[in-house]
Protein backbone atom coordinates (compact mmCIF):
# COMPACT_ATOMS: atom_id res chain seq x y z
CA MET A 1 133.22 82.25 89.26
CA LYS A 2 131.00 85.05 89.43
CA LYS A 3 132.22 88.46 90.57
CA LEU A 4 130.71 89.93 93.69
CA PHE A 5 132.24 93.48 93.52
CA THR A 6 131.29 94.83 90.32
CA ILE A 7 130.72 98.56 89.33
CA LYS A 8 126.87 97.73 89.05
CA ASN A 9 126.57 96.09 92.16
CA ILE A 10 128.40 98.76 94.22
CA LEU A 11 126.20 101.48 92.23
CA ILE A 12 123.12 99.68 93.17
CA GLY A 13 124.32 99.23 96.84
CA ILE A 14 124.93 102.80 97.10
CA GLY A 15 121.42 103.52 95.34
CA LEU A 16 119.79 101.55 97.81
CA ILE A 17 121.35 103.32 100.80
CA VAL A 18 120.50 106.71 99.40
CA PHE A 19 116.96 105.65 98.95
CA ASP A 20 116.82 104.21 102.55
CA LEU A 21 118.14 107.66 103.95
CA ALA A 22 115.68 109.49 101.51
CA VAL A 23 112.79 107.72 103.40
CA TYR A 24 114.34 108.40 106.72
CA LEU A 25 114.48 111.91 105.95
CA PHE A 26 110.65 112.18 104.46
CA LEU A 27 109.52 110.37 107.44
CA GLY A 28 111.39 112.16 109.79
CA LEU A 29 110.44 115.42 108.24
CA MET A 30 106.57 114.62 108.61
CA LEU A 31 106.84 113.40 111.99
CA MET A 32 108.11 117.26 112.90
CA ASN A 33 104.57 118.12 112.05
CA TYR A 34 103.47 116.27 115.17
CA ASP A 35 106.20 117.80 117.48
CA ASP A 36 105.41 121.12 116.30
CA ASN A 37 101.74 120.88 116.85
CA TYR A 38 101.89 118.78 120.15
CA GLU A 39 99.33 119.81 122.63
CA GLU A 40 99.38 118.32 126.50
CA SER A 41 95.49 118.51 126.46
CA LYS A 42 95.26 115.71 123.43
CA GLY A 43 97.31 113.17 125.62
CA GLU A 44 100.66 112.04 126.27
CA TYR A 45 103.77 112.80 124.27
CA PHE A 46 103.87 110.38 121.18
CA SER A 47 100.96 108.57 122.24
CA LEU A 48 98.74 107.41 119.63
CA ALA A 49 95.84 108.89 121.04
CA SER A 50 97.37 112.25 120.95
CA MET A 51 97.91 112.03 117.16
CA THR A 52 96.24 112.87 113.90
CA PHE A 53 95.22 109.82 111.62
CA TRP A 54 98.31 110.96 108.97
CA GLN A 55 100.81 111.42 112.19
CA LYS A 56 99.71 107.63 113.07
CA VAL A 57 100.36 106.59 109.69
CA ASN A 58 103.76 108.48 109.51
CA TYR A 59 104.69 107.14 113.24
CA ILE A 60 103.65 103.44 112.26
CA SER A 61 105.55 103.82 108.95
CA LEU A 62 108.63 104.62 110.47
CA HIS A 63 108.33 101.86 112.80
CA ILE A 64 107.83 99.26 109.95
CA TRP A 65 110.63 100.92 107.93
CA HIS A 66 113.03 100.13 110.98
CA LEU A 67 111.55 96.40 110.87
CA LEU A 68 112.39 96.01 107.37
CA ASN A 69 115.93 97.72 107.67
CA VAL A 70 116.55 94.98 110.51
CA ILE A 71 115.45 92.21 108.42
CA VAL A 72 117.82 93.35 105.46
CA ILE A 73 120.51 93.46 107.93
CA ILE A 74 120.01 90.12 109.17
CA TYR A 75 119.77 88.88 105.84
CA LEU A 76 122.97 90.37 104.69
CA LEU A 77 124.91 89.36 107.55
CA TYR A 78 123.22 85.78 106.83
CA GLN A 79 124.61 85.80 103.15
CA ILE A 80 128.15 87.40 104.27
CA ILE A 81 128.23 84.22 106.74
CA VAL A 82 127.54 81.77 104.10
CA TRP A 83 129.91 83.39 101.40
CA LEU A 84 132.69 83.30 103.90
CA LYS A 85 131.90 79.46 104.76
CA LYS A 86 132.22 78.52 101.37
CA ARG A 87 135.72 80.22 101.15
């Protein structure tokens, strides 16, 4: 039977979590640029019309990253349920 919790798998999991948090940190810091330079004359707060091109890229990237995280969490939950049903 294949071991599920080996040191290698645990370290890979921790590395993926650290990478995920680093991406969130990077995207959050990049969006601080929008918050610091927002002007009411450009449009409603956090609307795409009031953002520059790179701010739009960061904003959309953050939402794509959220979606990828949700997909991974659903996949992991599915794998856990399958694993528990086999036991």
